[in-house]
Protein backbone atom coordinates (compact mmCIF):
# COMPACT_ATOMS: atom_id res chain seq x y z
CA MET A 1 -16.00 -43.94 9.97
CA PRO A 2 -19.54 -43.85 8.60
CA THR A 3 -20.28 -44.58 4.99
CA ALA A 4 -24.05 -44.10 4.78
CA SER A 5 -25.25 -40.55 4.24
CA ALA A 6 -27.43 -40.47 7.35
CA GLN A 7 -25.07 -42.21 9.75
CA PRO A 8 -23.71 -39.94 12.51
CA LEU A 9 -20.13 -38.72 12.57
CA ASN A 10 -18.78 -39.93 15.94
CA PRO A 11 -21.90 -38.98 17.96
CA ALA A 12 -20.94 -40.71 21.17
CA GLN A 13 -18.44 -38.09 22.35
CA PRO A 14 -19.32 -36.01 25.44
CA ALA A 15 -20.43 -32.45 24.78
CA PRO A 16 -17.34 -30.19 24.72
CA SER A 17 -16.93 -26.52 25.50
CA ALA A 18 -17.75 -23.85 22.93
CA ARG A 19 -14.03 -23.35 22.39
CA SER A 20 -13.45 -26.96 21.32
CA ARG A 21 -16.47 -26.77 19.03
CA ARG A 22 -14.59 -24.23 16.93
CA ALA A 23 -11.27 -26.09 16.83
CA GLY A 24 -9.88 -27.19 13.46
CA ARG A 25 -10.96 -26.17 9.99
CA PRO A 26 -14.61 -25.33 9.37
CA PHE A 27 -16.34 -28.21 7.55
CA PHE A 28 -13.05 -30.16 7.82
CA GLY A 29 -11.71 -28.22 4.83
CA LEU A 30 -14.46 -29.14 2.36
CA ILE A 31 -14.73 -25.54 1.14
CA ASP A 32 -11.30 -24.17 2.09
CA ALA A 33 -10.83 -23.11 -1.55
CA VAL A 34 -13.32 -20.26 -1.06
CA ILE A 35 -12.56 -19.28 2.55
CA VAL A 36 -10.71 -16.01 3.16
CA GLU A 37 -9.22 -14.43 6.27
CA ALA A 38 -10.15 -11.17 7.99
CA PRO A 39 -9.92 -8.25 7.49
CA THR A 40 -12.32 -7.99 4.55
CA THR A 41 -13.31 -4.71 2.94
CA PHE A 42 -15.85 -6.05 0.46
CA ASP A 43 -18.14 -9.07 0.18
CA PHE A 44 -18.13 -11.38 -2.80
CA ASP A 45 -20.49 -14.26 -3.57
CA GLY A 46 -17.54 -16.58 -4.14
CA ALA A 47 -15.65 -15.93 -0.88
CA LEU A 48 -16.60 -16.69 2.70
CA SER A 49 -14.84 -15.17 5.70
CA ARG A 50 -13.29 -17.76 8.02
CA ASP A 51 -15.05 -16.10 10.97
CA HIS A 52 -18.41 -16.54 9.23
CA ALA A 53 -17.54 -20.10 8.19
CA ASN A 54 -16.66 -20.97 11.79
CA ALA A 55 -19.93 -19.48 13.03
CA ILE A 56 -21.97 -21.48 10.50
CA TRP A 57 -20.00 -24.65 11.26
CA THR A 58 -20.64 -24.18 14.98
CA TRP A 59 -24.35 -23.71 14.29
CA MET A 60 -24.43 -26.94 12.32
CA THR A 61 -22.70 -29.01 15.00
CA ARG A 62 -24.49 -27.41 17.96
CA ASP A 63 -27.99 -26.59 16.72
CA LEU A 64 -28.72 -28.10 13.32
CA ALA A 65 -27.36 -31.63 13.58
CA PRO A 66 -25.89 -32.49 16.98
CA ASP A 67 -27.21 -36.01 16.44
CA LEU A 68 -25.05 -36.38 13.31
CA ILE A 69 -21.84 -34.49 14.12
CA ALA A 70 -20.05 -34.53 17.43
CA PRO A 71 -18.41 -31.10 17.75
CA ASP A 72 -15.10 -32.48 18.98
CA VAL A 73 -14.44 -34.87 16.08
CA PRO A 74 -10.73 -34.51 15.17
CA ASP A 75 -10.00 -32.78 11.88
CA SER A 76 -8.78 -35.54 9.56
CA GLU A 77 -9.21 -36.93 6.07
CA GLU A 78 -11.52 -39.61 7.46
CA ALA A 79 -13.70 -36.96 9.11
CA ARG A 80 -13.77 -34.99 5.86
CA GLN A 81 -14.95 -38.01 3.90
CA ALA A 82 -17.59 -38.82 6.50
CA LEU A 83 -18.87 -35.24 6.49
CA ASP A 84 -19.04 -35.33 2.71
CA ALA A 85 -21.30 -38.39 2.97
CA LEU A 86 -23.50 -36.60 5.52
CA MET A 87 -23.73 -33.38 3.51
CA PRO A 88 -27.00 -34.13 1.63
CA GLU A 89 -28.76 -34.63 4.97
CA LEU A 90 -27.14 -31.51 6.48
CA LEU A 91 -28.02 -29.35 3.48
CA GLY A 92 -31.60 -30.61 3.59
CA ARG A 93 -31.91 -29.63 7.25
CA ALA A 94 -30.31 -26.24 6.58
CA ARG A 95 -32.74 -25.49 3.76
CA GLN A 96 -35.63 -26.39 6.02
CA ALA A 97 -34.26 -24.05 8.71
CA LEU A 98 -34.03 -21.21 6.19
CA ALA A 99 -37.53 -21.90 4.85
CA ALA A 100 -38.92 -21.81 8.41
CA VAL A 101 -37.64 -18.26 8.78
CA ASN A 102 -40.36 -17.07 6.40
CA THR A 103 -43.09 -18.45 8.64
CA SER A 104 -42.28 -16.68 11.87
CA VAL A 105 -40.48 -13.57 13.05
CA GLU A 106 -39.50 -15.43 16.20
CA THR A 107 -37.99 -18.26 14.16
CA GLU A 108 -35.95 -15.76 12.19
CA ARG A 109 -34.76 -14.05 15.37
CA ARG A 110 -33.77 -17.38 16.91
CA LEU A 111 -31.78 -18.47 13.83
CA LYS A 112 -29.93 -15.15 13.65
CA THR A 113 -29.05 -15.46 17.32
CA GLN A 114 -27.77 -19.00 16.86
CA LEU A 115 -25.61 -17.93 13.93
CA GLY A 116 -24.23 -14.88 15.69
CA GLY A 117 -26.04 -12.00 14.03
CA GLU A 118 -27.43 -10.47 10.86
CA ILE A 119 -24.18 -10.56 8.91
CA VAL A 120 -23.56 -14.29 9.32
CA PHE A 121 -27.25 -14.97 8.60
CA ALA A 122 -26.91 -13.05 5.33
CA ARG A 123 -23.88 -15.17 4.34
CA LEU A 124 -25.59 -18.50 5.17
CA PRO A 125 -27.07 -19.08 1.66
CA MET A 126 -23.66 -18.50 0.09
CA ALA A 127 -22.05 -20.98 2.50
CA LEU A 128 -24.70 -23.60 1.77
CA ASN A 129 -24.21 -23.09 -1.96
CA ALA A 130 -20.45 -23.62 -1.51
CA LEU A 131 -21.12 -26.85 0.36
CA LYS A 132 -23.48 -27.94 -2.38
CA CYS A 133 -20.78 -27.26 -4.99
CA ARG A 134 -17.96 -28.74 -2.89
CA ASN A 135 -17.06 -31.43 -5.42
CA LEU A 136 -16.79 -28.85 -8.19
CA LEU A 137 -14.29 -26.76 -6.21
CA ASP A 138 -11.58 -29.40 -6.59
CA LYS A 139 -12.17 -29.44 -10.34
CA ALA A 140 -11.99 -25.64 -10.45
CA GLN A 141 -8.66 -25.74 -8.61
CA ALA A 142 -7.39 -28.29 -11.12
CA PHE A 143 -8.45 -25.92 -13.90
CA GLY A 144 -6.45 -23.12 -12.25
CA ARG A 145 -3.33 -25.29 -12.04
CA ALA A 146 -3.77 -26.33 -15.67
CA ALA A 147 -4.05 -22.68 -16.70
CA ASN A 148 -0.49 -22.12 -15.49
CA GLY A 149 0.78 -24.36 -18.25
CA MET A 150 -1.39 -22.92 -21.03
CA GLN A 151 0.73 -20.84 -23.38
CA ASP A 152 -2.03 -20.32 -25.95
CA GLU A 153 -4.23 -17.38 -24.98
CA ALA A 154 -6.96 -18.54 -27.36
CA GLY A 155 -7.03 -21.94 -25.65
CA LEU A 156 -7.31 -20.34 -22.22
CA ALA A 157 -10.10 -18.08 -23.46
CA LEU A 158 -11.98 -21.13 -24.74
CA ALA A 159 -11.50 -22.90 -21.42
CA LEU A 160 -12.82 -19.90 -19.47
CA GLN A 161 -15.97 -19.88 -21.58
CA SER A 162 -16.71 -23.40 -20.34
CA MET A 163 -17.42 -21.96 -16.88
CA PRO A 164 -21.14 -21.77 -15.92
CA LEU A 165 -21.25 -18.00 -16.45
CA ASN A 166 -25.06 -17.95 -16.61
CA ASP A 167 -25.20 -19.10 -12.98
CA HIS A 168 -23.57 -16.21 -11.16
CA ALA A 169 -23.50 -17.89 -7.74
CA VAL A 170 -21.82 -21.06 -8.98
CA ALA A 171 -19.45 -19.19 -11.33
CA ALA A 172 -18.32 -16.98 -8.43
CA LEU A 173 -17.38 -20.03 -6.33
CA LEU A 174 -15.60 -21.87 -9.14
CA LEU A 175 -13.63 -18.82 -10.25
CA MET A 176 -12.61 -18.08 -6.66
CA ALA A 177 -11.26 -21.61 -6.35
CA ALA A 178 -9.53 -21.45 -9.74
CA VAL A 179 -7.83 -18.05 -9.27
CA GLY A 180 -6.22 -19.26 -6.06
CA GLN A 181 -4.15 -21.72 -8.12
CA VAL A 182 -3.12 -19.37 -10.94
CA SER A 183 0.40 -18.01 -10.49
CA ASN A 184 -0.01 -15.23 -13.06
CA PRO A 185 -3.60 -13.92 -12.87
CA SER A 186 -2.91 -11.46 -15.70
CA LYS A 187 -3.25 -14.42 -18.07
CA LEU A 188 -6.90 -14.70 -17.07
CA THR A 189 -7.52 -11.00 -17.58
CA THR A 190 -5.96 -10.91 -21.04
CA ALA A 191 -7.93 -14.02 -22.02
CA VAL A 192 -11.17 -12.34 -20.94
CA ILE A 193 -10.27 -9.20 -22.90
CA ARG A 194 -9.73 -11.44 -25.92
CA ILE A 195 -13.22 -12.90 -25.44
CA THR A 196 -14.98 -9.57 -24.92
CA GLY A 197 -12.93 -7.57 -27.38
CA SER A 198 -12.70 -4.73 -24.89
CA PRO A 199 -10.95 -3.99 -21.58
CA SER A 200 -13.87 -1.91 -20.29
CA GLU A 201 -15.80 -2.83 -17.15
CA GLY A 202 -19.09 -2.81 -19.00
CA ALA A 203 -17.95 -5.26 -21.67
CA ILE A 204 -16.57 -7.67 -19.06
CA GLN A 205 -19.74 -7.50 -16.97
CA ARG A 206 -22.00 -8.02 -19.98
CA ALA A 207 -20.00 -11.11 -20.98
CA GLY A 208 -20.55 -12.61 -17.52
CA PHE A 209 -16.95 -12.39 -16.30
CA ALA A 210 -17.54 -9.98 -13.41
CA PRO A 211 -17.11 -12.89 -10.93
CA LEU A 212 -13.59 -13.45 -12.28
CA ILE A 213 -12.51 -9.88 -11.50
CA ASP A 214 -14.23 -10.11 -8.11
CA ALA A 215 -12.35 -13.34 -7.41
CA ILE A 216 -9.01 -11.73 -8.29
CA LEU A 217 -9.79 -8.83 -5.94
CA ALA A 218 -10.92 -11.22 -3.19
CA HIS A 219 -7.59 -13.05 -3.37
CA ALA A 220 -5.75 -9.71 -3.34
CA GLN A 221 -7.72 -8.79 -0.22
CA ASN A 222 -6.74 -12.13 1.32
CA GLN A 223 -3.06 -11.09 1.34
CA THR A 224 -3.59 -8.28 3.86
CA HIS A 225 -3.78 -10.52 6.94
CA LEU A 226 -0.37 -11.95 6.08
CA LEU A 227 1.14 -8.48 6.50
CA ALA A 228 -0.36 -7.72 9.90
CA ASN A 229 2.63 -8.94 11.93
CA ASN A 230 5.23 -6.17 12.03
CA THR A 231 7.32 -7.69 14.81
CA ALA A 232 10.88 -8.98 14.51
CA TYR A 233 9.48 -12.52 14.69
CA ALA A 234 7.27 -12.25 11.59
CA ASP A 235 7.71 -14.89 8.89
CA ILE A 236 9.57 -12.72 6.40
CA ASP A 237 9.30 -15.24 3.56
CA LEU A 238 5.53 -15.28 3.99
CA THR A 239 5.50 -11.47 4.07
CA CYS A 240 7.49 -11.15 0.84
CA ARG A 241 5.32 -13.75 -0.91
CA ALA A 242 2.20 -11.87 0.16
CA ILE A 243 3.55 -8.59 -1.24
CA ASP A 244 4.44 -10.28 -4.53
CA ARG A 245 1.09 -12.09 -4.72
CA PHE A 246 -0.84 -8.89 -4.03
CA HIS A 247 1.09 -7.14 -6.79
CA ARG A 248 0.35 -9.88 -9.31
CA LEU A 249 -3.35 -9.85 -8.46
CA ALA A 250 -3.71 -6.06 -8.39
CA ARG A 251 -1.79 -5.70 -11.64
CA ALA A 252 -4.15 -8.19 -13.31
CA VAL A 253 -6.94 -5.66 -12.73
CA ASN A 254 -5.20 -2.28 -12.69
CA GLY A 255 -2.76 -3.00 -15.46
CA TYR A 256 -5.17 -4.37 -18.06
CA LEU A 257 -8.70 -3.09 -17.42
CA GLU A 258 -10.14 0.34 -18.08
CA LEU A 259 -11.72 1.22 -14.74
CA ALA A 260 -14.07 4.17 -14.33
CA ARG A 261 -12.83 6.49 -11.59
CA SER A 262 -15.77 5.94 -9.22
CA SER A 263 -16.69 2.38 -10.20
CA ARG A 264 -17.00 -0.46 -7.70
CA TRP A 265 -13.83 -2.21 -8.87
CA SER A 266 -11.86 1.02 -8.85
CA THR A 267 -13.04 1.75 -5.32
CA VAL A 268 -12.15 -1.75 -4.13
CA VAL A 269 -8.67 -1.53 -5.66
CA ALA A 270 -8.08 1.82 -3.96
CA ARG A 271 -9.15 0.44 -0.57
CA LEU A 272 -6.99 -2.65 -0.90
CA THR A 273 -3.99 -0.60 -2.01
CA LYS A 274 -4.41 1.63 1.03
CA ALA A 275 -4.77 -1.34 3.40
CA VAL A 276 -1.67 -3.13 2.12
CA SER A 277 0.38 0.07 1.96
CA GLU A 278 -0.45 0.88 5.59
CA ARG A 279 0.93 -2.51 6.62
CA VAL A 280 4.09 -2.17 4.54
CA GLU A 281 5.01 1.42 5.47
CA PRO A 282 6.24 0.71 9.03
CA ARG A 283 8.68 -1.87 7.71
CA LEU A 284 10.09 0.58 5.18
CA ARG A 285 10.35 3.36 7.75
CA ASP A 286 12.54 1.25 10.04
CA VAL A 287 14.80 -0.55 7.59
CA ALA A 288 17.57 2.08 7.19
CA GLY A 289 17.97 2.45 10.95
CA SER A 290 18.01 -1.33 11.41
CA VAL A 291 20.76 -1.72 8.81
CA ASN A 292 22.92 0.92 10.47
CA MET A 293 22.46 -0.60 13.92
CA ALA A 294 23.28 -4.11 12.69
CA LEU A 295 26.43 -3.14 10.77
CA ARG A 296 27.81 -0.53 13.13
CA ARG A 297 31.05 -1.56 14.78
CA GLY A 298 31.11 -1.61 18.58
CA ARG A 299 33.45 0.46 20.66
CA GLU A 300 37.06 -0.59 20.96
CA GLY A 301 37.30 -3.64 23.17
CA SER A 302 33.56 -4.33 23.20
CA ASP A 303 32.86 -5.18 19.57
CA ARG A 304 30.45 -8.07 19.14
CA LEU A 305 28.11 -9.41 16.50
CA ASP A 306 24.42 -8.92 17.33
CA SER A 307 22.82 -11.80 15.42
CA ASP A 308 19.28 -10.72 16.29
CA GLN A 309 19.82 -7.20 15.00
CA ILE A 310 21.42 -8.51 11.81
CA LEU A 311 18.39 -10.75 11.26
CA VAL A 312 16.06 -7.78 11.72
CA ALA A 313 18.09 -5.71 9.24
CA LEU A 314 18.32 -8.52 6.68
CA ASN A 315 14.58 -9.12 6.92
CA GLY A 316 13.97 -5.42 6.38
CA VAL A 317 16.09 -5.43 3.22
CA TYR A 318 14.20 -8.49 1.95
CA VAL A 319 10.95 -6.55 2.36
CA LEU A 320 12.51 -3.50 0.70
CA ALA A 321 13.46 -5.62 -2.32
CA ALA A 322 9.96 -7.14 -2.46
CA VAL A 323 8.37 -3.67 -2.39
CA ARG A 324 10.72 -2.52 -5.16
CA ASP A 325 9.26 -5.17 -7.48
CA ALA A 326 5.66 -4.44 -6.38
CA ARG A 327 5.73 -0.66 -5.99
CA ASP A 328 3.45 -0.06 -9.00
CA SER A 329 0.62 -1.70 -7.01
CA LEU A 330 1.33 0.09 -3.72
CA GLY A 331 0.96 3.66 -2.48
CA VAL A 332 4.38 3.91 -0.82
CA ASN A 333 6.50 5.64 -3.45
CA ALA A 334 7.74 8.50 -1.26
CA ILE A 335 8.74 6.42 1.75
CA PHE A 336 10.15 3.68 -0.49
CA ASP A 337 12.40 6.10 -2.38
CA GLN A 338 13.68 7.49 0.90
CA ALA A 339 14.36 4.06 2.40
CA TRP A 340 15.89 2.76 -0.84
CA ASN A 341 18.37 5.66 -1.03
CA GLN A 342 19.22 5.62 2.68
CA VAL A 343 19.85 1.87 2.72
CA GLY A 344 22.01 2.12 -0.41
CA GLN A 345 24.11 4.94 1.01
CA GLY A 346 24.43 3.26 4.40
CA LEU A 347 25.51 -0.04 2.89
CA GLU A 348 28.19 1.63 0.78
CA ILE A 349 29.69 3.20 3.90
CA HIS A 350 29.56 0.02 5.99
CA LEU A 351 30.96 -2.11 3.17
CA GLN A 352 33.94 0.18 2.71
CA ARG A 353 34.58 0.33 6.45
CA GLY A 354 34.35 -3.45 6.73
CA LEU A 355 36.86 -3.98 3.94
CA ASP A 356 39.26 -1.43 5.47
CA ILE A 357 39.08 -3.18 8.85
CA LEU A 358 39.83 -6.57 7.31
CA ARG A 359 42.75 -5.17 5.36
CA GLN A 360 44.20 -3.87 8.61
CA ASN A 361 43.35 -7.00 10.58
CA PRO A 362 42.62 -10.03 8.34
CA GLY A 363 41.95 -12.25 11.35
CA ASP A 364 39.05 -10.20 12.76
CA LYS A 365 36.29 -12.83 12.80
CA ILE A 366 33.58 -10.45 13.98
CA ALA A 367 34.34 -7.94 11.24
CA SER A 368 34.36 -10.78 8.70
CA ALA A 369 30.93 -12.06 9.78
CA ARG A 370 29.52 -8.52 9.81
CA LEU A 371 30.83 -7.93 6.31
CA ASP A 372 29.24 -11.18 5.11
CA ALA A 373 25.87 -9.86 6.33
CA ALA A 374 26.47 -6.51 4.63
CA ILE A 375 27.32 -8.24 1.34
CA LYS A 376 24.10 -10.27 1.51
CA MET A 377 22.15 -7.04 2.03
CA ALA A 378 24.03 -5.46 -0.88
CA GLU A 379 23.02 -8.39 -3.09
CA LEU A 380 19.38 -7.61 -2.35
CA ARG A 381 19.74 -3.82 -2.58
CA PHE A 382 22.00 -3.68 -5.64
CA ASN A 383 22.55 -6.91 -7.59
CA ALA A 384 24.27 -10.29 -7.53
CA GLU A 385 27.21 -9.13 -9.68
CA TYR A 386 28.09 -6.35 -7.24
CA ALA A 387 27.84 -8.78 -4.33
CA GLU A 388 30.21 -11.19 -6.07
CA THR A 389 32.71 -8.38 -6.60
CA LEU A 390 32.49 -7.56 -2.90
CA ARG A 391 33.07 -11.19 -1.93
CA LYS A 392 36.21 -11.27 -4.03
CA ALA A 393 37.38 -8.05 -2.39
CA LYS A 394 36.70 -9.57 1.03
CA ASP A 395 38.66 -12.73 0.16
CA SER A 396 41.55 -10.59 -0.97
CA ALA A 397 41.46 -8.51 2.24
CA GLU A 398 41.51 -11.66 4.41
CA ARG A 399 44.37 -13.28 2.50
CA PRO A 400 47.55 -13.41 4.63
CA ARG A 401 50.22 -10.99 3.50
CA PRO A 402 53.81 -12.14 3.10
CA THR A 403 56.13 -10.90 5.81
CA ALA A 404 59.09 -8.74 4.83
């Protein structure tokens, strides 16, 4: 791979289709720390939509520097290092392209067309700034990981003040990268309140920490795409982590700051809460019915265990438990309460029926497996102690009885 800054990155490849030009990560992952997924409800100087990043990356490989970057170079660590070496030359060409826009309306029109429209054109300076600061993003992520181990709020407050708060554009990028590594974002909020002496929006903005709150909200927004898949084949672990992560991020803003009713941050929080709640509601609406279908015994002579239906029901209860812990940050109280009560009542009935069946017929393997699934759901819906009691009751029911 090339080592000199102006040497081309695999230029001898034949020109591929537009589809292959967009394969892999934009910029080989150099600025992944600040890239977010659609849908986005607000723009932030520290976050770049993946769609926009792909469009700008395509422009670079196709129009700006086809002599330096072959568009079908495989995404790899070697390619990333080579692109990093080429970046000064690429940024220089990009700045010249932007400067040329001021000289001609036709030049501006052509650049906007190449990029894919006005919106991507407007995000180009931010993307170039992220590429310029690419080496600082890794350091910002390291800061975020280090913050997880800081128990002293005063020490964290001092560390936050070392950020380049006077340079809004750079601070936005670094804080976006840092927040992505912080497991408990509320620590950052309380540290900022300690610095400013006030939880009000105005005090935080005057102290230069508005990019931190924007970064927290941008990461909260970035959880919504993880909840879009409502099918039975959705990654339920990913879904539950997204719900928990959204709650932690939203609570860091809602739970600690004094937000004016019609302020920008208050409006953003309301929109994000609505977006996430709309994705969670269908799962809550279906969970009670799924549990009943999975645990219902078949007709005499045709009883069988439907593994797929049990998986759907168990996944639904996992989501229900995740929403229980995050409900303060969601707008689903009414439907959650209904689902929570219905699932609890349904499980109680199915658990009792399952135990009765095993007491009558300890060798019923299907009833035993179905009861195991019900006990796992009860552990999520109620608690581990209750589930352990049920397991002991099941063991007792399956124990062979002495013959007279």
